[in-house]
PDB file of N, CA and C in Angstrom:
ATOM      1  N   MET A   1     111.058 123.781  62.803  1.00  0.00           N
ATOM      2  CA  MET A   1     111.569 122.444  63.005  1.00  0.00           C
ATOM      3  C   MET A   1     110.731 121.472  62.191  1.00  0.00           C
ATOM      4  N   LYS A   2     111.387 120.524  61.548  1.00  0.00           N
ATOM      5  CA  LYS A   2     110.687 119.549  60.717  1.00  0.00           C
ATOM      6  C   LYS A   2     109.931 118.554  61.596  1.00  0.00           C
ATOM      7  N   PRO A   3     108.746 118.101  61.142  1.00  0.00           N
ATOM      8  CA  PRO A   3     107.968 117.143  61.927  1.00  0.00           C
ATOM      9  C   PRO A   3     108.731 115.866  62.245  1.00  0.00           C
ATOM     10  N   CYS A   4     109.530 115.358  61.313  1.00  0.00           N
ATOM     11  CA  CYS A   4     110.246 114.110  61.582  1.00  0.00           C
ATOM     12  C   CYS A   4     111.355 114.299  62.608  1.00  0.00           C
ATOM     13  N   ALA A   5     111.847 115.526  62.777  1.00  0.00           N
ATOM     14  CA  ALA A   5     112.885 115.800  63.776  1.00  0.00           C
ATOM     15  C   ALA A   5     112.284 115.905  65.172  1.00  0.00           C
ATOM     16  N   THR A   6     111.031 116.304  65.285  1.00  0.00           N
ATOM     17  CA  THR A   6     110.404 116.445  66.604  1.00  0.00           C
ATOM     18  C   THR A   6     109.924 115.112  67.160  1.00  0.00           C
ATOM     19  N   LEU A   7     109.654 114.151  66.314  1.00  0.00           N
ATOM     20  CA  LEU A   7     109.149 112.860  66.772  1.00  0.00           C
ATOM     21  C   LEU A   7     110.113 112.158  67.729  1.00  0.00           C
ATOM     22  N   PRO A   8     111.417 112.040  67.414  1.00  0.00           N
ATOM     23  CA  PRO A   8     112.322 111.400  68.377  1.00  0.00           C
ATOM     24  C   PRO A   8     112.400 112.136  69.714  1.00  0.00           C
ATOM     25  N   VAL A   9     112.359 113.455  69.681  1.00  0.00           N
ATOM     26  CA  VAL A   9     112.399 114.236  70.919  1.00  0.00           C
ATOM     27  C   VAL A   9     111.140 113.967  71.735  1.00  0.00           C
ATOM     28  N   LEU A  10     109.997 113.936  71.092  1.00  0.00           N
ATOM     29  CA  LEU A  10     108.734 113.667  71.769  1.00  0.00           C
ATOM     30  C   LEU A  10     108.724 112.265  72.375  1.00  0.00           C
ATOM     31  N   LEU A  11     109.160 111.274  71.619  1.00  0.00           N
ATOM     32  CA  LEU A  11     109.194 109.905  72.131  1.00  0.00           C
ATOM     33  C   LEU A  11     110.150 109.762  73.306  1.00  0.00           C
ATOM     34  N   CYS A  12     111.302 110.409  73.252  1.00  0.00           N
ATOM     35  CA  CYS A  12     112.256 110.354  74.367  1.00  0.00           C
ATOM     36  C   CYS A  12     111.673 110.998  75.612  1.00  0.00           C
ATOM     37  N   SER A  13     110.999 112.129  75.452  1.00  0.00           N
ATOM     38  CA  SER A  13     110.439 112.804  76.629  1.00  0.00           C
ATOM     39  C   SER A  13     109.316 111.994  77.251  1.00  0.00           C
ATOM     40  N   ILE A  14     108.519 111.318  76.438  1.00  0.00           N
ATOM     41  CA  ILE A  14     107.452 110.466  76.972  1.00  0.00           C
ATOM     42  C   ILE A  14     108.060 109.274  77.711  1.00  0.00           C
ATOM     43  N   ALA A  15     109.048 108.631  77.123  1.00  0.00           N
ATOM     44  CA  ALA A  15     109.691 107.480  77.775  1.00  0.00           C
ATOM     45  C   ALA A  15     110.374 107.901  79.067  1.00  0.00           C
ATOM     46  N   TRP A  16     111.047 109.028  79.074  1.00  0.00           N
ATOM     47  CA  TRP A  16     111.745 109.503  80.270  1.00  0.00           C
ATOM     48  C   TRP A  16     110.758 109.836  81.373  1.00  0.00           C
ATOM     49  N   SER A  17     109.670 110.531  81.036  1.00  0.00           N
ATOM     50  CA  SER A  17     108.699 110.905  82.073  1.00  0.00           C
ATOM     51  C   SER A  17     108.022 109.683  82.659  1.00  0.00           C
ATOM     52  N   GLY A  18     107.804 108.636  81.859  1.00  0.00           N
ATOM     53  CA  GLY A  18     107.194 107.412  82.375  1.00  0.00           C
ATOM     54  C   GLY A  18     108.080 106.714  83.376  1.00  0.00           C
ATOM     55  N   SER A  19     109.377 106.683  83.129  1.00  0.00           N
ATOM     56  CA  SER A  19     110.272 106.011  84.062  1.00  0.00           C
ATOM     57  C   SER A  19     110.483 106.829  85.318  1.00  0.00           C
ATOM     58  N   VAL A  20     110.469 108.140  85.214  1.00  0.00           N
ATOM     59  CA  VAL A  20     110.649 108.994  86.383  1.00  0.00           C
ATOM     60  C   VAL A  20     109.423 108.938  87.280  1.00  0.00           C
ATOM     61  N   MET A  21     108.247 108.826  86.708  1.00  0.00           N
ATOM     62  CA  MET A  21     107.005 108.860  87.473  1.00  0.00           C
ATOM     63  C   MET A  21     106.583 107.484  87.977  1.00  0.00           C
ATOM     64  N   ALA A  22     107.374 106.473  87.729  1.00  0.00           N
ATOM     65  CA  ALA A  22     107.003 105.116  88.122  1.00  0.00           C
ATOM     66  C   ALA A  22     107.006 104.950  89.644  1.00  0.00           C
ATOM     67  N   HIS A  23     106.065 104.176  90.129  1.00  0.00           N
ATOM     68  CA  HIS A  23     105.989 103.823  91.544  1.00  0.00           C
ATOM     69  C   HIS A  23     106.437 102.371  91.689  1.00  0.00           C
ATOM     70  N   ALA A  24     106.861 102.010  92.878  1.00  0.00           N
ATOM     71  CA  ALA A  24     107.222 100.619  93.132  1.00  0.00           C
ATOM     72  C   ALA A  24     105.948  99.777  93.098  1.00  0.00           C
ATOM     73  N   VAL A  25     105.971  98.717  92.324  1.00  0.00           N
ATOM     74  CA  VAL A  25     104.812  97.847  92.155  1.00  0.00           C
ATOM     75  C   VAL A  25     105.227  96.422  92.541  1.00  0.00           C
ATOM     76  N   PRO A  26     104.391  95.729  93.314  1.00  0.00           N
ATOM     77  CA  PRO A  26     104.727  94.343  93.650  1.00  0.00           C
ATOM     78  C   PRO A  26     104.781  93.472  92.399  1.00  0.00           C
ATOM     79  N   GLU A  27     105.855  92.678  92.289  1.00  0.00           N
ATOM     80  CA  GLU A  27     105.974  91.724  91.188  1.00  0.00           C
ATOM     81  C   GLU A  27     105.415  90.367  91.610  1.00  0.00           C
ATOM     82  N   ARG A  28     105.621  90.024  92.889  1.00  0.00           N
ATOM     83  CA  ARG A  28     105.049  88.788  93.425  1.00  0.00           C
ATOM     84  C   ARG A  28     105.014  88.868  94.944  1.00  0.00           C
ATOM     85  N   THR A  29     104.170  88.030  95.526  1.00  0.00           N
ATOM     86  CA  THR A  29     104.017  87.988  96.981  1.00  0.00           C
ATOM     87  C   THR A  29     104.092  86.553  97.465  1.00  0.00           C
ATOM     88  N   VAL A  30     104.581  86.389  98.681  1.00  0.00           N
ATOM     89  CA  VAL A  30     104.643  85.071  99.334  1.00  0.00           C
ATOM     90  C   VAL A  30     104.099  85.252 100.740  1.00  0.00           C
ATOM     91  N   PRO A  31     102.935  84.671 101.070  1.00  0.00           N
ATOM     92  CA  PRO A  31     102.053  83.879 100.230  1.00  0.00           C
ATOM     93  C   PRO A  31     101.458  84.727  99.101  1.00  0.00           C
ATOM     94  N   VAL A  32     100.975  84.027  98.092  1.00  0.00           N
ATOM     95  CA  VAL A  32     100.349  84.666  96.942  1.00  0.00           C
ATOM     96  C   VAL A  32      99.027  85.298  97.374  1.00  0.00           C
ATOM     97  N   ALA A  33      98.718  86.446  96.807  1.00  0.00           N
ATOM     98  CA  ALA A  33      97.450  87.120  97.105  1.00  0.00           C
ATOM     99  C   ALA A  33      96.282  86.185  96.817  1.00  0.00           C
ATOM    100  N   GLY A  34      95.391  86.037  97.805  1.00  0.00           N
ATOM    101  CA  GLY A  34      94.216  85.192  97.661  1.00  0.00           C
ATOM    102  C   GLY A  34      94.451  83.717  97.912  1.00  0.00           C
ATOM    103  N   GLU A  35      95.672  83.343  98.204  1.00  0.00           N
ATOM    104  CA  GLU A  35      96.015  81.929  98.407  1.00  0.00           C
ATOM    105  C   GLU A  35      95.395  81.382  99.693  1.00  0.00           C
ATOM    106  N   THR A  36      95.023  80.106  99.657  1.00  0.00           N
ATOM    107  CA  THR A  36      94.572  79.397 100.842  1.00  0.00           C
ATOM    108  C   THR A  36      95.661  78.390 101.207  1.00  0.00           C
ATOM    109  N   LEU A  37      96.183  78.516 102.416  1.00  0.00           N
ATOM    110  CA  LEU A  37      97.287  77.684 102.891  1.00  0.00           C
ATOM    111  C   LEU A  37      96.783  76.653 103.887  1.00  0.00           C
ATOM    112  N   SER A  38      97.445  75.506 103.927  1.00  0.00           N
ATOM    113  CA  SER A  38      97.081  74.489 104.913  1.00  0.00           C
ATOM    114  C   SER A  38      97.843  74.695 106.214  1.00  0.00           C
ATOM    115  N   GLN A  39      98.894  75.494 106.151  1.00  0.00           N
ATOM    116  CA  GLN A  39      99.719  75.771 107.329  1.00  0.00           C
ATOM    117  C   GLN A  39     100.074  77.256 107.331  1.00  0.00           C
ATOM    118  N   ALA A  40     100.119  77.844 108.513  1.00  0.00           N
ATOM    119  CA  ALA A  40     100.435  79.272 108.624  1.00  0.00           C
ATOM    120  C   ALA A  40     101.882  79.532 108.211  1.00  0.00           C
ATOM    121  N   PRO A  41     102.127  80.596 107.442  1.00  0.00           N
ATOM    122  CA  PRO A  41     103.492  80.931 107.057  1.00  0.00           C
ATOM    123  C   PRO A  41     104.243  81.555 108.234  1.00  0.00           C
ATOM    124  N   GLN A  42     105.556  81.509 108.189  1.00  0.00           N
ATOM    125  CA  GLN A  42     106.367  82.143 109.227  1.00  0.00           C
ATOM    126  C   GLN A  42     106.634  83.602 108.912  1.00  0.00           C
ATOM    127  N   SER A  43     106.447  83.985 107.632  1.00  0.00           N
ATOM    128  CA  SER A  43     106.676  85.369 107.228  1.00  0.00           C
ATOM    129  C   SER A  43     105.867  85.679 105.982  1.00  0.00           C
ATOM    130  N   VAL A  44     105.784  86.958 105.675  1.00  0.00           N
ATOM    131  CA  VAL A  44     105.162  87.443 104.446  1.00  0.00           C
ATOM    132  C   VAL A  44     106.222  88.255 103.723  1.00  0.00           C
ATOM    133  N   THR A  45     106.360  88.034 102.420  1.00  0.00           N
ATOM    134  CA  THR A  45     107.381  88.715 101.632  1.00  0.00           C
ATOM    135  C   THR A  45     106.761  89.276 100.363  1.00  0.00           C
ATOM    136  N   ILE A  46     107.149  90.514 100.032  1.00  0.00           N
ATOM    137  CA  ILE A  46     106.712  91.139  98.788  1.00  0.00           C
ATOM    138  C   ILE A  46     107.953  91.530  97.995  1.00  0.00           C
ATOM    139  N   TYR A  47     107.972  91.129  96.717  1.00  0.00           N
ATOM    140  CA  TYR A  47     109.055  91.464  95.796  1.00  0.00           C
ATOM    141  C   TYR A  47     108.566  92.595  94.891  1.00  0.00           C
ATOM    142  N   PHE A  48     109.274  93.716  94.903  1.00  0.00           N
ATOM    143  CA  PHE A  48     108.887  94.891  94.129  1.00  0.00           C
ATOM    144  C   PHE A  48     109.737  95.042  92.875  1.00  0.00           C
ATOM    145  N   ASP A  49     109.275  95.883  91.955  1.00  0.00           N
ATOM    146  CA  ASP A  49     110.000  96.118  90.709  1.00  0.00           C
ATOM    147  C   ASP A  49     110.971  97.299  90.802  1.00  0.00           C
ATOM    148  N   ALA A  50     111.122  97.876  91.995  1.00  0.00           N
ATOM    149  CA  ALA A  50     112.030  99.013  92.186  1.00  0.00           C
ATOM    150  C   ALA A  50     112.644  98.929  93.581  1.00  0.00           C
ATOM    151  N   GLU A  51     113.773  99.586  93.751  1.00  0.00           N
ATOM    152  CA  GLU A  51     114.428  99.621  95.055  1.00  0.00           C
ATOM    153  C   GLU A  51     113.630 100.498  96.010  1.00  0.00           C
ATOM    154  N   LEU A  52     113.571 100.086  97.276  1.00  0.00           N
ATOM    155  CA  LEU A  52     112.761 100.759  98.286  1.00  0.00           C
ATOM    156  C   LEU A  52     113.627 101.531  99.274  1.00  0.00           C
ATOM    157  N   GLU A  53     113.056 102.587  99.841  1.00  0.00           N
ATOM    158  CA  GLU A  53     113.689 103.352 100.908  1.00  0.00           C
ATOM    159  C   GLU A  53     113.322 102.695 102.240  1.00  0.00           C
ATOM    160  N   PRO A  54     114.294 102.149 102.961  1.00  0.00           N
ATOM    161  CA  PRO A  54     114.003 101.424 104.206  1.00  0.00           C
ATOM    162  C   PRO A  54     113.269 102.237 105.271  1.00  0.00           C
ATOM    163  N   LEU A  55     113.596 103.504 105.433  1.00  0.00           N
ATOM    164  CA  LEU A  55     112.961 104.308 106.485  1.00  0.00           C
ATOM    165  C   LEU A  55     111.478 104.555 106.252  1.00  0.00           C
ATOM    166  N   PHE A  56     111.041 104.467 105.002  1.00  0.00           N
ATOM    167  CA  PHE A  56     109.666 104.838 104.680  1.00  0.00           C
ATOM    168  C   PHE A  56     108.837 103.686 104.127  1.00  0.00           C
ATOM    169  N   SER A  57     109.334 102.472 104.224  1.00  0.00           N
ATOM    170  CA  SER A  57     108.628 101.320 103.678  1.00  0.00           C
ATOM    171  C   SER A  57     108.199 100.392 104.813  1.00  0.00           C
ATOM    172  N   LYS A  58     106.918 100.007 104.790  1.00  0.00           N
ATOM    173  CA  LYS A  58     106.353  99.219 105.881  1.00  0.00           C
ATOM    174  C   LYS A  58     105.479  98.093 105.342  1.00  0.00           C
ATOM    175  N   LEU A  59     105.437  97.004 106.106  1.00  0.00           N
ATOM    176  CA  LEU A  59     104.579  95.868 105.798  1.00  0.00           C
ATOM    177  C   LEU A  59     104.031  95.355 107.125  1.00  0.00           C
ATOM    178  N   VAL A  60     102.710  95.306 107.236  1.00  0.00           N
ATOM    179  CA  VAL A  60     102.053  94.855 108.460  1.00  0.00           C
ATOM    180  C   VAL A  60     101.019  93.807 108.081  1.00  0.00           C
ATOM    181  N   VAL A  61     100.934  92.751 108.885  1.00  0.00           N
ATOM    182  CA  VAL A  61      99.944  91.691 108.677  1.00  0.00           C
ATOM    183  C   VAL A  61      99.012  91.678 109.878  1.00  0.00           C
ATOM    184  N   LYS A  62      97.698  91.653 109.587  1.00  0.00           N
ATOM    185  CA  LYS A  62      96.687  91.622 110.654  1.00  0.00           C
ATOM    186  C   LYS A  62      95.744  90.452 110.426  1.00  0.00           C
ATOM    187  N   ASP A  63      95.194  89.964 111.539  1.00  0.00           N
ATOM    188  CA  ASP A  63      94.202  88.884 111.425  1.00  0.00           C
ATOM    189  C   ASP A  63      92.833  89.491 111.131  1.00  0.00           C
ATOM    190  N   ALA A  64      91.816  88.650 111.043  1.00  0.00           N
ATOM    191  CA  ALA A  64      90.465  89.096 110.686  1.00  0.00           C
ATOM    192  C   ALA A  64      89.874  90.081 111.696  1.00  0.00           C
ATOM    193  N   GLN A  65      90.353  90.041 112.940  1.00  0.00           N
ATOM    194  CA  GLN A  65      89.873  90.971 113.967  1.00  0.00           C
ATOM    195  C   GLN A  65      90.664  92.277 113.978  1.00  0.00           C
ATOM    196  N   GLY A  66      91.640  92.399 113.106  1.00  0.00           N
ATOM    197  CA  GLY A  66      92.434  93.624 113.028  1.00  0.00           C
ATOM    198  C   GLY A  66      93.629  93.662 113.965  1.00  0.00           C
ATOM    199  N   VAL A  67      93.956  92.519 114.563  1.00  0.00           N
ATOM    200  CA  VAL A  67      95.097  92.444 115.474  1.00  0.00           C
ATOM    201  C   VAL A  67      96.368  92.184 114.656  1.00  0.00           C
ATOM    202  N   GLN A  68      97.374  93.016 114.868  1.00  0.00           N
ATOM    203  CA  GLN A  68      98.636  92.841 114.156  1.00  0.00           C
ATOM    204  C   GLN A  68      99.331  91.565 114.612  1.00  0.00           C
ATOM    205  N   ILE A  69      99.695  90.715 113.643  1.00  0.00           N
ATOM    206  CA  ILE A  69     100.403  89.473 113.968  1.00  0.00           C
ATOM    207  C   ILE A  69     101.822  89.464 113.392  1.00  0.00           C
ATOM    208  N   SER A  70     102.216  90.563 112.777  1.00  0.00           N
ATOM    209  CA  SER A  70     103.584  90.653 112.271  1.00  0.00           C
ATOM    210  C   SER A  70     104.450  91.362 113.304  1.00  0.00           C
ATOM    211  N   ALA A  71     105.717  90.959 113.351  1.00  0.00           N
ATOM    212  CA  ALA A  71     106.667  91.589 114.272  1.00  0.00           C
ATOM    213  C   ALA A  71     107.118  92.910 113.656  1.00  0.00           C
ATOM    214  N   GLY A  72     106.845  94.006 114.314  1.00  0.00           N
ATOM    215  CA  GLY A  72     107.259  95.316 113.798  1.00  0.00           C
ATOM    216  C   GLY A  72     106.535  95.694 112.529  1.00  0.00           C
ATOM    217  N   THR A  73     107.238  96.421 111.672  1.00  0.00           N
ATOM    218  CA  THR A  73     106.633  96.917 110.430  1.00  0.00           C
ATOM    219  C   THR A  73     107.383  96.439 109.196  1.00  0.00           C
ATOM    220  N   GLY A  74     108.052  95.306 109.320  1.00  0.00           N
ATOM    221  CA  GLY A  74     108.746  94.739 108.175  1.00  0.00           C
ATOM    222  C   GLY A  74     110.133  95.314 107.986  1.00  0.00           C
ATOM    223  N   GLU A  75     110.908  94.641 107.153  1.00  0.00           N
ATOM    224  CA  GLU A  75     112.278  95.059 106.876  1.00  0.00           C
ATOM    225  C   GLU A  75     112.619  94.821 105.418  1.00  0.00           C
ATOM    226  N   ILE A  76     113.467  95.691 104.885  1.00  0.00           N
ATOM    227  CA  ILE A  76     114.015  95.502 103.545  1.00  0.00           C
ATOM    228  C   ILE A  76     115.127  94.453 103.662  1.00  0.00           C
ATOM    229  N   ALA A  77     115.169  93.513 102.736  1.00  0.00           N
ATOM    230  CA  ALA A  77     116.205  92.473 102.747  1.00  0.00           C
ATOM    231  C   ALA A  77     117.584  93.104 102.581  1.00  0.00           C
ATOM    232  N   ALA A  78     118.538  92.659 103.381  1.00  0.00           N
ATOM    233  CA  ALA A  78     119.895  93.205 103.338  1.00  0.00           C
ATOM    234  C   ALA A  78     120.553  92.994 101.976  1.00  0.00           C
ATOM    235  N   ASP A  79     120.234  91.893 101.315  1.00  0.00           N
ATOM    236  CA  ASP A  79     120.867  91.575 100.035  1.00  0.00           C
ATOM    237  C   ASP A  79     120.050  91.985  98.817  1.00  0.00           C
ATOM    238  N   ASN A  80     118.844  92.558  99.037  1.00  0.00           N
ATOM    239  CA  ASN A  80     118.014  92.950  97.902  1.00  0.00           C
ATOM    240  C   ASN A  80     117.071  94.083  98.309  1.00  0.00           C
ATOM    241  N   PRO A  81     117.353  95.328  97.911  1.00  0.00           N
ATOM    242  CA  PRO A  81     116.515  96.474  98.299  1.00  0.00           C
ATOM    243  C   PRO A  81     115.149  96.512  97.627  1.00  0.00           C
ATOM    244  N   ARG A  82     114.812  95.476  96.878  1.00  0.00           N
ATOM    245  CA  ARG A  82     113.486  95.378  96.258  1.00  0.00           C
ATOM    246  C   ARG A  82     112.574  94.414  97.004  1.00  0.00           C
ATOM    247  N   VAL A  83     113.050  93.881  98.130  1.00  0.00           N
ATOM    248  CA  VAL A  83     112.283  92.874  98.875  1.00  0.00           C
ATOM    249  C   VAL A  83     111.944  93.396 100.266  1.00  0.00           C
ATOM    250  N   LEU A  84     110.663  93.364 100.597  1.00  0.00           N
ATOM    251  CA  LEU A  84     110.156  93.792 101.905  1.00  0.00           C
ATOM    252  C   LEU A  84     109.485  92.586 102.554  1.00  0.00           C
ATOM    253  N   ALA A  85     109.879  92.273 103.792  1.00  0.00           N
ATOM    254  CA  ALA A  85     109.334  91.094 104.471  1.00  0.00           C
ATOM    255  C   ALA A  85     109.032  91.395 105.929  1.00  0.00           C
ATOM    256  N   ALA A  86     108.087  90.643 106.477  1.00  0.00           N
ATOM    257  CA  ALA A  86     107.743  90.743 107.898  1.00  0.00           C
ATOM    258  C   ALA A  86     107.586  89.337 108.458  1.00  0.00           C
ATOM    259  N   ARG A  87     108.187  89.116 109.610  1.00  0.00           N
ATOM    260  CA  ARG A  87     108.060  87.844 110.312  1.00  0.00           C
ATOM    261  C   ARG A  87     106.729  87.842 111.057  1.00  0.00           C
ATOM    262  N   LEU A  88     106.049  86.703 111.070  1.00  0.00           N
ATOM    263  CA  LEU A  88     104.776  86.595 111.783  1.00  0.00           C
ATOM    264  C   LEU A  88     105.024  86.034 113.177  1.00  0.00           C
ATOM    265  N   THR A  89     104.402  86.639 114.170  1.00  0.00           N
ATOM    266  CA  THR A  89     104.592  86.212 115.557  1.00  0.00           C
ATOM    267  C   THR A  89     103.615  85.110 115.958  1.00  0.00           C
ATOM    268  N   ALA A  90     102.430  85.134 115.406  1.00  0.00           N
ATOM    269  CA  ALA A  90     101.421  84.129 115.728  1.00  0.00           C
ATOM    270  C   ALA A  90     100.406  84.097 114.602  1.00  0.00           C
ATOM    271  N   ALA A  91     100.173  82.931 114.078  1.00  0.00           N
ATOM    272  CA  ALA A  91      99.174  82.794 113.028  1.00  0.00           C
ATOM    273  C   ALA A  91      98.465  81.457 113.211  1.00  0.00           C
ATOM    274  N   ALA A  92      97.162  81.514 113.220  1.00  0.00           N
ATOM    275  CA  ALA A  92      96.335  80.312 113.343  1.00  0.00           C
ATOM    276  C   ALA A  92      95.451  80.239 112.102  1.00  0.00           C
ATOM    277  N   LYS A  93      94.456  79.395 112.134  1.00  0.00           N
ATOM    278  CA  LYS A  93      93.517  79.321 111.022  1.00  0.00           C
ATOM    279  C   LYS A  93      92.729  80.607 110.944  1.00  0.00           C
ATOM    280  N   GLY A  94      92.446  81.038 109.721  1.00  0.00           N
ATOM    281  CA  GLY A  94      91.651  82.235 109.538  1.00  0.00           C
ATOM    282  C   GLY A  94      92.125  83.077 108.367  1.00  0.00           C
ATOM    283  N   ALA A  95      91.497  84.235 108.241  1.00  0.00           N
ATOM    284  CA  ALA A  95      91.818  85.177 107.159  1.00  0.00           C
ATOM    285  C   ALA A  95      92.826  86.205 107.650  1.00  0.00           C
ATOM    286  N   TYR A  96      93.736  86.583 106.761  1.00  0.00           N
ATOM    287  CA  TYR A  96      94.768  87.560 107.093  1.00  0.00           C
ATOM    288  C   TYR A  96      94.831  88.637 106.019  1.00  0.00           C
ATOM    289  N   HIS A  97      95.184  89.833 106.453  1.00  0.00           N
ATOM    290  CA  HIS A  97      95.298  90.974 105.548  1.00  0.00           C
ATOM    291  C   HIS A  97      96.707  91.537 105.636  1.00  0.00           C
ATOM    292  N   VAL A  98      97.306  91.746 104.485  1.00  0.00           N
ATOM    293  CA  VAL A  98      98.649  92.302 104.385  1.00  0.00           C
ATOM    294  C   VAL A  98      98.510  93.742 103.908  1.00  0.00           C
ATOM    295  N   TYR A  99      99.093  94.667 104.658  1.00  0.00           N
ATOM    296  CA  TYR A  99      99.071  96.089 104.309  1.00  0.00           C
ATOM    297  C   TYR A  99     100.506  96.533 104.055  1.00  0.00           C
ATOM    298  N   TRP A 100     100.760  97.107 102.894  1.00  0.00           N
ATOM    299  CA  TRP A 100     102.099  97.601 102.593  1.00  0.00           C
ATOM    300  C   TRP A 100     102.033  99.050 102.140  1.00  0.00           C
ATOM    301  N   ASN A 101     103.076  99.767 102.491  1.00  0.00           N
ATOM    302  CA  ASN A 101     103.200 101.180 102.166  1.00  0.00           C
ATOM    303  C   ASN A 101     104.690 101.422 101.937  1.00  0.00           C
ATOM    304  N   VAL A 102     105.075 101.743 100.714  1.00  0.00           N
ATOM    305  CA  VAL A 102     106.488 101.875 100.386  1.00  0.00           C
ATOM    306  C   VAL A 102     106.788 103.203  99.706  1.00  0.00           C
ATOM    307  N   VAL A 103     108.054 103.577  99.797  1.00  0.00           N
ATOM    308  CA  VAL A 103     108.587 104.699  99.030  1.00  0.00           C
ATOM    309  C   VAL A 103     109.761 104.150  98.240  1.00  0.00           C
ATOM    310  N   SER A 104     109.700 104.317  96.926  1.00  0.00           N
ATOM    311  CA  SER A 104     110.803 103.845  96.091  1.00  0.00           C
ATOM    312  C   SER A 104     111.945 104.853  96.144  1.00  0.00           C
ATOM    313  N   ARG A 105     113.106 104.443  95.694  1.00  0.00           N
ATOM    314  CA  ARG A 105     114.289 105.306  95.746  1.00  0.00           C
ATOM    315  C   ARG A 105     114.106 106.594  94.957  1.00  0.00           C
ATOM    316  N   ASP A 106     113.174 106.596  93.987  1.00  0.00           N
ATOM    317  CA  ASP A 106     112.923 107.837  93.237  1.00  0.00           C
ATOM    318  C   ASP A 106     111.981 108.773  93.988  1.00  0.00           C
ATOM    319  N   GLY A 107     111.561 108.373  95.213  1.00  0.00           N
ATOM    320  CA  GLY A 107     110.752 109.235  96.065  1.00  0.00           C
ATOM    321  C   GLY A 107     109.253 109.064  95.940  1.00  0.00           C
ATOM    322  N   HIS A 108     108.785 108.180  95.092  1.00  0.00           N
ATOM    323  CA  HIS A 108     107.343 107.999  94.914  1.00  0.00           C
ATOM    324  C   HIS A 108     106.789 106.973  95.900  1.00  0.00           C
ATOM    325  N   ARG A 109     105.632 107.311  96.469  1.00  0.00           N
ATOM    326  CA  ARG A 109     104.969 106.449  97.445  1.00  0.00           C
ATOM    327  C   ARG A 109     103.925 105.584  96.742  1.00  0.00           C
ATOM    328  N   ALA A 110     103.812 104.348  97.209  1.00  0.00           N
ATOM    329  CA  ALA A 110     102.778 103.430  96.728  1.00  0.00           C
ATOM    330  C   ALA A 110     102.315 102.602  97.919  1.00  0.00           C
ATOM    331  N   ARG A 111     101.078 102.142  97.865  1.00  0.00           N
ATOM    332  CA  ARG A 111     100.567 101.307  98.948  1.00  0.00           C
ATOM    333  C   ARG A 111      99.510 100.367  98.409  1.00  0.00           C
ATOM    334  N   GLY A 112      99.238  99.346  99.202  1.00  0.00           N
ATOM    335  CA  GLY A 112      98.236  98.391  98.791  1.00  0.00           C
ATOM    336  C   GLY A 112      97.958  97.399  99.896  1.00  0.00           C
ATOM    337  N   THR A 113      97.063  96.501  99.600  1.00  0.00           N
ATOM    338  CA  THR A 113      96.683  95.468 100.551  1.00  0.00           C
ATOM    339  C   THR A 113      96.276  94.223  99.776  1.00  0.00           C
ATOM    340  N   TYR A 114      96.425  93.096 100.416  1.00  0.00           N
ATOM    341  CA  TYR A 114      95.931  91.848  99.853  1.00  0.00           C
ATOM    342  C   TYR A 114      95.680  90.884 101.003  1.00  0.00           C
ATOM    343  N   GLY A 115      95.027  89.782 100.697  1.00  0.00           N
ATOM    344  CA  GLY A 115      94.719  88.817 101.741  1.00  0.00           C
ATOM    345  C   GLY A 115      95.119  87.408 101.382  1.00  0.00           C
ATOM    346  N   PHE A 116      95.172  86.575 102.410  1.00  0.00           N
ATOM    347  CA  PHE A 116      95.368  85.139 102.257  1.00  0.00           C
ATOM    348  C   PHE A 116      94.654  84.469 103.415  1.00  0.00           C
ATOM    349  N   THR A 117      94.457  83.167 103.304  1.00  0.00           N
ATOM    350  CA  THR A 117      93.713  82.406 104.309  1.00  0.00           C
ATOM    351  C   THR A 117      94.504  81.183 104.726  1.00  0.00           C
ATOM    352  N   VAL A 118      94.397  80.851 106.006  1.00  0.00           N
ATOM    353  CA  VAL A 118      94.982  79.615 106.532  1.00  0.00           C
ATOM    354  C   VAL A 118      93.814  78.736 106.960  1.00  0.00           C
ATOM    355  N   ARG A 119      93.763  77.509 106.454  1.00  0.00           N
ATOM    356  CA  ARG A 119      92.672  76.570 106.818  1.00  0.00           C
ATOM    357  C   ARG A 119      93.202  75.413 107.608  1.00  0.00           C
TER     358      ARG A 119
END
């Protein structure tokens, strides 16, 4: 096989494997990671770059003492399978930690955490 004929095949296989192996990655968060708010939010929302599996995707918010202040484990938005949100039941001044664990539709798991503060 000629070297110039193998290059397109190699490039296609690299591009294909990269898209297949991709994990869902947050594109933006509300509140923004590290943000200091003057008022407690009513919910936390994460926008991902891939569609999520509802049964295996979770979002939990805890206060500085480790007490969960989010209702349940979050929900995928009915109109957008790339959005995971959790309603907050009680939030006062202090530091908060957001923990997320998702499975994208391609079956890959990803997780992370970030924080925000209410003053």
